[in-house]
C-alpha atoms as a PDB file:
ATOM      1  CA  MET A   1     -27.124  -6.596 -51.699  1.00  0.00           C
ATOM      2  CA  LYS A   2     -28.455  -8.237 -48.264  1.00  0.00           C
ATOM      3  CA  LYS A   3     -24.690 -10.177 -47.963  1.00  0.00           C
ATOM      4  CA  GLY A   4     -23.625  -6.591 -47.764  1.00  0.00           C
ATOM      5  CA  VAL A   5     -26.042  -5.722 -45.124  1.00  0.00           C
ATOM      6  CA  VAL A   6     -25.489  -8.845 -43.095  1.00  0.00           C
ATOM      7  CA  LEU A   7     -21.763  -8.042 -43.267  1.00  0.00           C
ATOM      8  CA  ILE A   8     -22.099  -4.216 -41.751  1.00  0.00           C
ATOM      9  CA  ILE A   9     -24.661  -5.632 -39.186  1.00  0.00           C
ATOM     10  CA  VAL A  10     -22.011  -8.126 -37.973  1.00  0.00           C
ATOM     11  CA  ILE A  11     -18.733  -5.962 -37.980  1.00  0.00           C
ATOM     12  CA  GLY A  12     -21.094  -3.247 -36.171  1.00  0.00           C
ATOM     13  CA  ILE A  13     -22.167  -6.209 -33.031  1.00  0.00           C
ATOM     14  CA  ALA A  14     -18.614  -7.144 -33.159  1.00  0.00           C
ATOM     15  CA  MET A  15     -17.153  -4.159 -32.484  1.00  0.00           C
ATOM     16  CA  ILE A  16     -20.217  -2.897 -30.040  1.00  0.00           C
ATOM     17  CA  ILE A  17     -18.781  -6.403 -27.807  1.00  0.00           C
ATOM     18  CA  SER A  18     -15.381  -5.501 -28.325  1.00  0.00           C
ATOM     19  CA  CYS A  19     -16.117  -1.680 -26.165  1.00  0.00           C
ATOM     20  CA  LEU A  20     -18.255  -3.203 -24.143  1.00  0.00           C
ATOM     21  CA  ALA A  21     -15.431  -6.233 -23.563  1.00  0.00           C
ATOM     22  CA  ILE A  22     -12.899  -3.094 -23.130  1.00  0.00           C
ATOM     23  CA  THR A  23     -14.667  -1.731 -20.743  1.00  0.00           C
ATOM     24  CA  VAL A  24     -15.070  -4.649 -18.316  1.00  0.00           C
ATOM     25  CA  LEU A  25     -11.640  -5.018 -18.683  1.00  0.00           C
ATOM     26  CA  LEU A  26      -9.887  -1.352 -18.149  1.00  0.00           C
ATOM     27  CA  TYR A  27     -12.824  -1.384 -14.913  1.00  0.00           C
ATOM     28  CA  ILE A  28     -11.473  -4.955 -13.518  1.00  0.00           C
ATOM     29  CA  SER A  29      -7.888  -3.559 -13.602  1.00  0.00           C
ATOM     30  CA  GLN A  30      -9.176  -0.334 -11.507  1.00  0.00           C
ATOM     31  CA  GLY A  31     -10.387  -2.351  -8.925  1.00  0.00           C
ATOM     32  CA  SER A  32      -7.529  -4.488  -9.226  1.00  0.00           C
ATOM     33  CA  ILE A  33      -5.381  -1.251  -8.397  1.00  0.00           C
ATOM     34  CA  ILE A  34      -7.239   0.154  -5.876  1.00  0.00           C
ATOM     35  CA  SER A  35      -7.084  -3.077  -3.849  1.00  0.00           C
ATOM     36  CA  GLU A  36      -3.621  -2.891  -4.136  1.00  0.00           C
ATOM     37  CA  ASN A  37      -3.473  -0.098  -3.129  1.00  0.00           C
ATOM     38  CA  LYS A  38      -5.492  -0.912   0.226  1.00  0.00           C
ATOM     39  CA  ILE A  39      -3.450  -3.605   1.041  1.00  0.00           C
ATOM     40  CA  MET A  40      -0.094  -1.562   0.924  1.00  0.00           C
ATOM     41  CA  ARG A  41      -1.993   0.877   3.188  1.00  0.00           C
ATOM     42  CA  THR A  42      -2.999  -1.906   5.748  1.00  0.00           C
ATOM     43  CA  ARG A  43       0.739  -3.456   5.685  1.00  0.00           C
ATOM     44  CA  ALA A  44       2.186  -0.090   6.251  1.00  0.00           C
ATOM     45  CA  TYR A  45       0.095   0.639   9.212  1.00  0.00           C
ATOM     46  CA  TYR A  46       0.463  -2.543  10.982  1.00  0.00           C
ATOM     47  CA  ALA A  47       4.268  -2.227  10.227  1.00  0.00           C
ATOM     48  CA  ALA A  48       4.343   1.081  11.949  1.00  0.00           C
ATOM     49  CA  GLN A  49       2.136  -0.229  14.731  1.00  0.00           C
ATOM     50  CA  ALA A  50       4.927  -3.075  15.144  1.00  0.00           C
ATOM     51  CA  GLY A  51       7.923   0.025  15.122  1.00  0.00           C
ATOM     52  CA  ILE A  52       6.129   1.725  18.290  1.00  0.00           C
ATOM     53  CA  VAL A  53       5.915  -1.571  19.968  1.00  0.00           C
ATOM     54  CA  SER A  54       9.695  -2.518  19.149  1.00  0.00           C
ATOM     55  CA  GLY A  55      10.575   0.838  20.147  1.00  0.00           C
ATOM     56  CA  MET A  56       8.831   0.728  23.289  1.00  0.00           C
ATOM     57  CA  GLU A  57       9.815  -2.724  24.375  1.00  0.00           C
ATOM     58  CA  GLN A  58      13.267  -1.418  23.743  1.00  0.00           C
ATOM     59  CA  LEU A  59      12.792   2.000  25.866  1.00  0.00           C
ATOM     60  CA  ARG A  60      11.830  -0.330  28.349  1.00  0.00           C
ATOM     61  CA  LYS A  61      14.466  -2.587  28.723  1.00  0.00           C
ATOM     62  CA  GLY A  62      16.412   0.681  28.706  1.00  0.00           C
ATOM     63  CA  GLU A  63      18.269   0.028  25.174  1.00  0.00           C
ATOM     64  CA  ALA A  64      18.722   3.169  23.357  1.00  0.00           C
ATOM     65  CA  VAL A  65      15.955   3.596  20.418  1.00  0.00           C
ATOM     66  CA  ASN A  66      18.175   5.710  17.947  1.00  0.00           C
ATOM     67  CA  ASP A  67      17.543   5.347  14.263  1.00  0.00           C
ATOM     68  CA  ILE A  68      16.676   1.504  14.408  1.00  0.00           C
ATOM     69  CA  VAL A  69      15.056  -0.185  11.461  1.00  0.00           C
ATOM     70  CA  ILE A  70      12.708  -2.821  12.095  1.00  0.00           C
ATOM     71  CA  GLY A  71      11.220  -5.431   9.362  1.00  0.00           C
ATOM     72  CA  SER A  72      13.735  -4.129   6.375  1.00  0.00           C
ATOM     73  CA  GLY A  73      12.382  -5.474   3.337  1.00  0.00           C
ATOM     74  CA  ILE A  74       8.709  -7.538   4.328  1.00  0.00           C
ATOM     75  CA  ASP A  75       7.702  -9.441   1.576  1.00  0.00           C
ATOM     76  CA  GLY A  76       5.220  -7.979  -0.868  1.00  0.00           C
ATOM     77  CA  TYR A  77       7.008  -5.427  -2.008  1.00  0.00           C
ATOM     78  CA  ALA A  78       9.614  -4.631  -4.780  1.00  0.00           C
ATOM     79  CA  GLY A  79      11.773  -2.930  -3.079  1.00  0.00           C
ATOM     80  CA  GLY A  80      10.381  -4.040   0.412  1.00  0.00           C
ATOM     81  CA  LEU A  81       8.898  -2.282   3.456  1.00  0.00           C
ATOM     82  CA  ASN A  82      11.214  -0.307   5.628  1.00  0.00           C
ATOM     83  CA  VAL A  83      10.222   0.595   9.044  1.00  0.00           C
ATOM     84  CA  ALA A  84      12.138   3.284  11.140  1.00  0.00           C
ATOM     85  CA  VAL A  85      11.910   4.345  14.446  1.00  0.00           C
ATOM     86  CA  THR A  86      13.469   7.259  15.932  1.00  0.00           C
ATOM     87  CA  TYR A  87      13.485   8.307  19.720  1.00  0.00           C
ATOM     88  CA  ILE A  88      13.141  12.070  20.529  1.00  0.00           C
ATOM     89  CA  ASP A  89      14.216  13.421  23.364  1.00  0.00           C
ATOM     90  CA  ASP A  90      12.530  16.634  24.190  1.00  0.00           C
ATOM     91  CA  ASN A  91       9.719  15.861  26.338  1.00  0.00           C
ATOM     92  CA  THR A  92       6.964  16.875  23.741  1.00  0.00           C
ATOM     93  CA  GLY A  93       4.889  14.039  23.920  1.00  0.00           C
ATOM     94  CA  PRO A  94       1.712  13.794  26.580  1.00  0.00           C
ATOM     95  CA  LEU A  95       2.606  15.109  30.117  1.00  0.00           C
ATOM     96  CA  GLY A  96       6.191  16.183  29.104  1.00  0.00           C
ATOM     97  CA  THR A  97       7.046  12.249  28.051  1.00  0.00           C
ATOM     98  CA  ASP A  98       9.592  12.065  24.760  1.00  0.00           C
ATOM     99  CA  PRO A  99       7.919  10.831  21.674  1.00  0.00           C
ATOM    100  CA  LEU A 100       8.460   7.994  19.346  1.00  0.00           C
ATOM    101  CA  GLU A 101       8.477   8.756  15.339  1.00  0.00           C
ATOM    102  CA  VAL A 102       7.765   6.071  13.115  1.00  0.00           C
ATOM    103  CA  VAL A 103       8.568   6.199   9.442  1.00  0.00           C
ATOM    104  CA  VAL A 104       6.777   3.756   6.500  1.00  0.00           C
ATOM    105  CA  THR A 105       8.582   3.719   3.731  1.00  0.00           C
ATOM    106  CA  PHE A 106       8.025   0.901   1.033  1.00  0.00           C
END
């Protein structure tokens, strides 16, 4: 009788420890996913900034800026990180300037 009770208690404790371990693993994996998304957003932001700087530099040199792709296939992404800069000639920017459109895809 005592052996049966001890066995049930041990199995119950093992189940509780297993549930706690699964909960910790799920929590850690969620944190990893959140961190990866933050890293991707940060890389996309700085890639867009680089695209703006590159487009501005090309305008300063007098080169055309229509649909250029900068940084195609940047490391860290399965499909790569692509930055496309488009010059929009419509004088809708601040003080009648022409805006640049920067699109980051990953």
